[in-house]
């Protein structure tokens, strides 16, 4: 009779070990899902301390399906988060670039207006008879100096904003490349 009990005890022990392994897999799966990072079946196996054959066993199709579903969901969630982050960053850089372009455009129109005003004032330095008007000449020269100084400052500001725009465009390009690398790895 003792000989017959041994197989029953071995079966009971294997069943208990199998149940323990299944519990460890479910706990590992729960921890990986809570971490919110993409994971693989190998990650679940390593964390649970079991082999892949245990998960893929035909005796446990519900466990296999649970692991595969959780893995697929983790990858989808990571991809969605990366896409959302990319969209937010791209929108931010795009808005900055558009703002810089608007400022550059307004500065260019300001410079053009000042150039026209300088031309008009230069033409007014002499009256119709060619007689030099001293007081008006002095006032207009001072105005020309001020406008020239203002023009130079506007040109510096335009140059600075153009550099900022170029930098913003380069940052957007670099962010797109980095995000593509994050989404797809080294294989585009």
C-alpha atoms as a PDB file:
ATOM      1  CA  UNK A   1       0.000   0.000   0.000  1.00  0.00           C
ATOM      2  CA  UNK A   2       2.857   2.399   0.724  1.00  0.00           C
ATOM      3  CA  UNK A   3       4.095   1.941  -2.837  1.00  0.00           C
ATOM      4  CA  UNK A   4       0.731   3.099  -4.212  1.00  0.00           C
ATOM      5  CA  UNK A   5       0.666   6.225  -2.070  1.00  0.00           C
ATOM      6  CA  UNK A   6       3.928   7.532  -3.431  1.00  0.00           C
ATOM      7  CA  UNK A   7       2.638   8.320  -6.924  1.00  0.00           C
ATOM      8  CA  UNK A   8      -0.363  10.044  -5.378  1.00  0.00           C
ATOM      9  CA  UNK A   9       1.932  12.084  -3.133  1.00  0.00           C
ATOM     10  CA  UNK A  10       4.178  12.961  -6.092  1.00  0.00           C
ATOM     11  CA  UNK A  11       1.165  14.036  -8.135  1.00  0.00           C
ATOM     12  CA  UNK A  12      -0.100  16.159  -5.254  1.00  0.00           C
ATOM     13  CA  UNK A  13       3.360  17.714  -4.818  1.00  0.00           C
ATOM     14  CA  UNK A  14       3.609  18.491  -8.553  1.00  0.00           C
ATOM     15  CA  UNK A  15       0.118  19.970  -8.527  1.00  0.00           C
ATOM     16  CA  UNK A  16       1.034  22.176  -5.548  1.00  0.00           C
ATOM     17  CA  UNK A  17       4.284  23.235  -7.227  1.00  0.00           C
ATOM     18  CA  UNK A  18       2.409  23.993 -10.434  1.00  0.00           C
ATOM     19  CA  UNK A  19      -0.148  26.078  -8.518  1.00  0.00           C
ATOM     20  CA  UNK A  20       2.700  27.922  -6.740  1.00  0.00           C
ATOM     21  CA  UNK A  21       4.417  28.637 -10.074  1.00  0.00           C
ATOM     22  CA  UNK A  22       1.141  29.867 -11.545  1.00  0.00           C
ATOM     23  CA  UNK A  23       0.635  32.186  -8.560  1.00  0.00           C
ATOM     24  CA  UNK A  24       4.187  33.530  -8.983  1.00  0.00           C
ATOM     25  CA  UNK A  25       3.520  34.159 -12.684  1.00  0.00           C
ATOM     26  CA  UNK A  26       0.330  36.074 -11.871  1.00  0.00           C
ATOM     27  CA  UNK A  27       2.155  38.115  -9.203  1.00  0.00           C
ATOM     28  CA  UNK A  28       5.021  38.881 -11.603  1.00  0.00           C
ATOM     29  CA  UNK A  29       2.505  39.828 -14.273  1.00  0.00           C
ATOM     30  CA  UNK A  30       0.715  42.131 -11.840  1.00  0.00           C
ATOM     31  CA  UNK A  31       3.972  43.858 -10.841  1.00  0.00           C
ATOM     32  CA  UNK A  32       5.037  44.347 -14.458  1.00  0.00           C
ATOM     33  CA  UNK A  33       1.640  45.774 -15.424  1.00  0.00           C
ATOM     34  CA  UNK A  34       1.746  48.176 -12.459  1.00  0.00           C
ATOM     35  CA  UNK A  35       5.240  49.308 -13.516  1.00  0.00           C
ATOM     36  CA  UNK A  36       3.727  50.554 -16.779  1.00  0.00           C
ATOM     37  CA  UNK A  37       6.698  49.627 -18.968  1.00  0.00           C
ATOM     38  CA  UNK A  38       6.611  47.289 -21.967  1.00  0.00           C
ATOM     39  CA  UNK A  39       7.699  43.751 -21.116  1.00  0.00           C
ATOM     40  CA  UNK A  40       8.175  40.372 -22.759  1.00  0.00           C
ATOM     41  CA  UNK A  41       7.241  36.824 -21.820  1.00  0.00           C
ATOM     42  CA  UNK A  42      10.900  36.311 -20.886  1.00  0.00           C
ATOM     43  CA  UNK A  43      10.614  39.193 -18.395  1.00  0.00           C
ATOM     44  CA  UNK A  44       7.615  37.523 -16.759  1.00  0.00           C
ATOM     45  CA  UNK A  45       9.482  34.209 -16.606  1.00  0.00           C
ATOM     46  CA  UNK A  46      12.572  35.799 -15.079  1.00  0.00           C
ATOM     47  CA  UNK A  47      10.588  37.678 -12.451  1.00  0.00           C
ATOM     48  CA  UNK A  48       8.515  34.594 -11.570  1.00  0.00           C
ATOM     49  CA  UNK A  49      11.562  32.307 -11.586  1.00  0.00           C
ATOM     50  CA  UNK A  50      10.116  29.796 -14.040  1.00  0.00           C
ATOM     51  CA  UNK A  51      10.809  28.624 -17.592  1.00  0.00           C
ATOM     52  CA  UNK A  52       8.921  29.705 -20.704  1.00  0.00           C
ATOM     53  CA  UNK A  53       7.580  26.203 -21.258  1.00  0.00           C
ATOM     54  CA  UNK A  54       5.507  26.581 -18.091  1.00  0.00           C
ATOM     55  CA  UNK A  55       3.729  29.624 -19.523  1.00  0.00           C
ATOM     56  CA  UNK A  56       3.285  28.137 -22.994  1.00  0.00           C
ATOM     57  CA  UNK A  57       2.089  24.772 -21.645  1.00  0.00           C
ATOM     58  CA  UNK A  58      -1.133  23.542 -23.224  1.00  0.00           C
ATOM     59  CA  UNK A  59      -2.339  22.625 -19.745  1.00  0.00           C
ATOM     60  CA  UNK A  60      -2.675  26.334 -18.893  1.00  0.00           C
ATOM     61  CA  UNK A  61      -4.170  28.144 -21.927  1.00  0.00           C
ATOM     62  CA  UNK A  62      -5.770  30.791 -19.705  1.00  0.00           C
ATOM     63  CA  UNK A  63      -2.394  31.632 -18.137  1.00  0.00           C
ATOM     64  CA  UNK A  64      -0.736  31.754 -21.573  1.00  0.00           C
ATOM     65  CA  UNK A  65      -3.457  34.052 -22.886  1.00  0.00           C
ATOM     66  CA  UNK A  66      -3.296  36.306 -19.807  1.00  0.00           C
ATOM     67  CA  UNK A  67       0.479  36.752 -20.187  1.00  0.00           C
ATOM     68  CA  UNK A  68       0.264  37.411 -23.936  1.00  0.00           C
ATOM     69  CA  UNK A  69      -2.628  39.871 -23.520  1.00  0.00           C
ATOM     70  CA  UNK A  70      -0.792  41.774 -20.772  1.00  0.00           C
ATOM     71  CA  UNK A  71       2.381  41.868 -22.870  1.00  0.00           C
ATOM     72  CA  UNK A  72       0.522  43.213 -25.907  1.00  0.00           C
ATOM     73  CA  UNK A  73      -1.303  45.795 -23.786  1.00  0.00           C
ATOM     74  CA  UNK A  74       1.977  46.989 -22.234  1.00  0.00           C
ATOM     75  CA  UNK A  75       3.497  47.500 -25.678  1.00  0.00           C
ATOM     76  CA  UNK A  76       0.386  49.341 -26.903  1.00  0.00           C
ATOM     77  CA  UNK A  77       0.340  51.562 -23.810  1.00  0.00           C
ATOM     78  CA  UNK A  78       4.036  52.435 -24.200  1.00  0.00           C
ATOM     79  CA  UNK A  79       3.533  53.220 -27.881  1.00  0.00           C
ATOM     80  CA  UNK A  80       0.521  55.414 -27.098  1.00  0.00           C
ATOM     81  CA  UNK A  81       2.429  57.295 -24.384  1.00  0.00           C
ATOM     82  CA  UNK A  82       5.383  57.833 -26.726  1.00  0.00           C
ATOM     83  CA  UNK A  83       3.074  59.087 -29.494  1.00  0.00           C
ATOM     84  CA  UNK A  84       1.286  61.454 -27.095  1.00  0.00           C
ATOM     85  CA  UNK A  85       4.613  62.767 -25.820  1.00  0.00           C
ATOM     86  CA  UNK A  86       5.857  63.230 -29.375  1.00  0.00           C
ATOM     87  CA  UNK A  87       2.676  65.098 -30.330  1.00  0.00           C
ATOM     88  CA  UNK A  88       2.957  67.415 -27.316  1.00  0.00           C
ATOM     89  CA  UNK A  89       6.637  68.158 -27.925  1.00  0.00           C
ATOM     90  CA  UNK A  90       6.121  68.683 -31.640  1.00  0.00           C
ATOM     91  CA  UNK A  91       3.196  71.029 -30.986  1.00  0.00           C
ATOM     92  CA  UNK A  92       5.292  73.035 -28.532  1.00  0.00           C
ATOM     93  CA  UNK A  93       8.212  73.407 -30.948  1.00  0.00           C
ATOM     94  CA  UNK A  94       5.846  74.132 -33.841  1.00  0.00           C
ATOM     95  CA  UNK A  95       4.175  76.908 -31.834  1.00  0.00           C
ATOM     96  CA  UNK A  96       7.544  78.422 -30.948  1.00  0.00           C
ATOM     97  CA  UNK A  97       8.638  78.316 -34.576  1.00  0.00           C
ATOM     98  CA  UNK A  98       5.408  79.976 -35.730  1.00  0.00           C
ATOM     99  CA  UNK A  99       5.755  82.689 -33.086  1.00  0.00           C
ATOM    100  CA  UNK A 100       9.348  83.358 -34.135  1.00  0.00           C
ATOM    101  CA  UNK A 101       8.311  83.552 -37.796  1.00  0.00           C
ATOM    102  CA  UNK A 102       5.559  86.059 -36.923  1.00  0.00           C
ATOM    103  CA  UNK A 103       8.030  88.260 -35.016  1.00  0.00           C
ATOM    104  CA  UNK A 104      10.538  88.114 -37.880  1.00  0.00           C
ATOM    105  CA  UNK A 105       7.796  89.103 -40.327  1.00  0.00           C
ATOM    106  CA  UNK A 106       6.714  92.072 -38.203  1.00  0.00           C
ATOM    107  CA  UNK A 107      10.335  93.215 -37.817  1.00  0.00           C
ATOM    108  CA  UNK A 108      10.864  93.047 -41.571  1.00  0.00           C
ATOM    109  CA  UNK A 109       7.799  95.194 -42.206  1.00  0.00           C
ATOM    110  CA  UNK A 110       9.013  97.675 -39.542  1.00  0.00           C
ATOM    111  CA  UNK A 111      12.410  97.894 -41.211  1.00  0.00           C
ATOM    112  CA  UNK A 112      10.758  98.481 -44.579  1.00  0.00           C
ATOM    113  CA  UNK A 113       8.607 101.317 -43.151  1.00  0.00           C
ATOM    114  CA  UNK A 114      11.675 102.944 -41.617  1.00  0.00           C
ATOM    115  CA  UNK A 115      13.610 102.663 -44.861  1.00  0.00           C
ATOM    116  CA  UNK A 116      10.762 104.446 -46.635  1.00  0.00           C
ATOM    117  CA  UNK A 117      10.653 107.119 -43.937  1.00  0.00           C
ATOM    118  CA  UNK A 118      14.428 107.665 -44.192  1.00  0.00           C
ATOM    119  CA  UNK A 119      14.078 108.041 -47.975  1.00  0.00           C
ATOM    120  CA  UNK A 120      11.275 110.555 -47.558  1.00  0.00           C
ATOM    121  CA  UNK A 121      13.208 112.534 -44.963  1.00  0.00           C
ATOM    122  CA  UNK A 122      16.365 112.545 -47.045  1.00  0.00           C
ATOM    123  CA  UNK A 123      14.398 114.000 -49.954  1.00  0.00           C
ATOM    124  CA  UNK A 124      13.051 116.752 -47.675  1.00  0.00           C
ATOM    125  CA  UNK A 125      16.499 118.055 -46.738  1.00  0.00           C
ATOM    126  CA  UNK A 126      16.360 120.604 -49.540  1.00  0.00           C
ATOM    127  CA  UNK A 127      13.495 122.853 -50.510  1.00  0.00           C
ATOM    128  CA  UNK A 128      12.229 123.163 -54.070  1.00  0.00           C
ATOM    129  CA  UNK A 129      14.614 126.011 -54.955  1.00  0.00           C
ATOM    130  CA  UNK A 130      17.649 124.096 -53.713  1.00  0.00           C
ATOM    131  CA  UNK A 131      18.090 126.422 -50.729  1.00  0.00           C
ATOM    132  CA  UNK A 132      19.449 124.627 -47.736  1.00  0.00           C
ATOM    133  CA  UNK A 133      17.142 124.852 -44.724  1.00  0.00           C
ATOM    134  CA  UNK A 134      19.535 124.759 -41.743  1.00  0.00           C
ATOM    135  CA  UNK A 135      17.104 124.162 -38.891  1.00  0.00           C
ATOM    136  CA  UNK A 136      15.066 121.621 -40.774  1.00  0.00           C
ATOM    137  CA  UNK A 137      18.265 119.978 -41.973  1.00  0.00           C
ATOM    138  CA  UNK A 138      19.532 119.604 -38.389  1.00  0.00           C
ATOM    139  CA  UNK A 139      16.245 118.209 -37.157  1.00  0.00           C
ATOM    140  CA  UNK A 140      16.040 115.753 -40.030  1.00  0.00           C
ATOM    141  CA  UNK A 141      19.643 114.619 -39.569  1.00  0.00           C
ATOM    142  CA  UNK A 142      18.927 113.882 -35.918  1.00  0.00           C
ATOM    143  CA  UNK A 143      15.810 112.003 -36.944  1.00  0.00           C
ATOM    144  CA  UNK A 144      17.831 110.048 -39.517  1.00  0.00           C
ATOM    145  CA  UNK A 145      20.425 109.168 -36.854  1.00  0.00           C
ATOM    146  CA  UNK A 146      17.705 107.958 -34.507  1.00  0.00           C
ATOM    147  CA  UNK A 147      16.004 105.970 -37.232  1.00  0.00           C
ATOM    148  CA  UNK A 148      19.317 104.479 -38.363  1.00  0.00           C
ATOM    149  CA  UNK A 149      20.113 103.476 -34.779  1.00  0.00           C
ATOM    150  CA  UNK A 150      16.630 102.010 -34.386  1.00  0.00           C
ATOM    151  CA  UNK A 151      17.040 100.221 -37.712  1.00  0.00           C
ATOM    152  CA  UNK A 152      20.325  98.685 -36.556  1.00  0.00           C
ATOM    153  CA  UNK A 153      18.691  97.521 -33.325  1.00  0.00           C
ATOM    154  CA  UNK A 154      15.790  96.046 -35.256  1.00  0.00           C
ATOM    155  CA  UNK A 155      18.211  94.256 -37.566  1.00  0.00           C
ATOM    156  CA  UNK A 156      20.024  92.798 -34.549  1.00  0.00           C
ATOM    157  CA  UNK A 157      16.701  91.656 -33.103  1.00  0.00           C
ATOM    158  CA  UNK A 158      15.685  90.155 -36.443  1.00  0.00           C
ATOM    159  CA  UNK A 159      19.014  88.298 -36.636  1.00  0.00           C
ATOM    160  CA  UNK A 160      18.588  87.011 -33.085  1.00  0.00           C
ATOM    161  CA  UNK A 161      15.055  85.833 -33.814  1.00  0.00           C
ATOM    162  CA  UNK A 162      16.142  84.212 -37.085  1.00  0.00           C
ATOM    163  CA  UNK A 163      18.774  82.260 -35.131  1.00  0.00           C
ATOM    164  CA  UNK A 164      16.140  81.329 -32.566  1.00  0.00           C
ATOM    165  CA  UNK A 165      13.850  80.155 -35.354  1.00  0.00           C
ATOM    166  CA  UNK A 166      16.648  78.098 -36.905  1.00  0.00           C
ATOM    167  CA  UNK A 167      17.384  76.610 -33.494  1.00  0.00           C
ATOM    168  CA  UNK A 168      13.717  75.785 -32.918  1.00  0.00           C
ATOM    169  CA  UNK A 169      13.508  74.098 -36.322  1.00  0.00           C
ATOM    170  CA  UNK A 170      16.662  72.096 -35.568  1.00  0.00           C
ATOM    171  CA  UNK A 171      15.228  71.076 -32.189  1.00  0.00           C
ATOM    172  CA  UNK A 172      11.993  69.910 -33.831  1.00  0.00           C
ATOM    173  CA  UNK A 173      13.982  67.881 -36.352  1.00  0.00           C
ATOM    174  CA  UNK A 174      16.156  66.346 -33.626  1.00  0.00           C
ATOM    175  CA  UNK A 175      13.067  65.586 -31.463  1.00  0.00           C
ATOM    176  CA  UNK A 176      11.363  63.869 -34.379  1.00  0.00           C
ATOM    177  CA  UNK A 177      14.427  61.737 -34.993  1.00  0.00           C
ATOM    178  CA  UNK A 178      14.738  60.885 -31.297  1.00  0.00           C
ATOM    179  CA  UNK A 179      11.063  59.998 -31.034  1.00  0.00           C
ATOM    180  CA  UNK A 180      11.205  57.824 -34.141  1.00  0.00           C
ATOM    181  CA  UNK A 181      14.157  56.046 -32.563  1.00  0.00           C
ATOM    182  CA  UNK A 182      12.191  55.641 -29.309  1.00  0.00           C
ATOM    183  CA  UNK A 183       9.154  54.285 -31.106  1.00  0.00           C
ATOM    184  CA  UNK A 184      10.869  51.949 -33.516  1.00  0.00           C
ATOM    185  CA  UNK A 185      14.322  51.351 -32.051  1.00  0.00           C
ATOM    186  CA  UNK A 186      17.310  51.343 -34.351  1.00  0.00           C
ATOM    187  CA  UNK A 187      15.264  49.831 -37.200  1.00  0.00           C
ATOM    188  CA  UNK A 188      13.260  52.652 -38.893  1.00  0.00           C
END
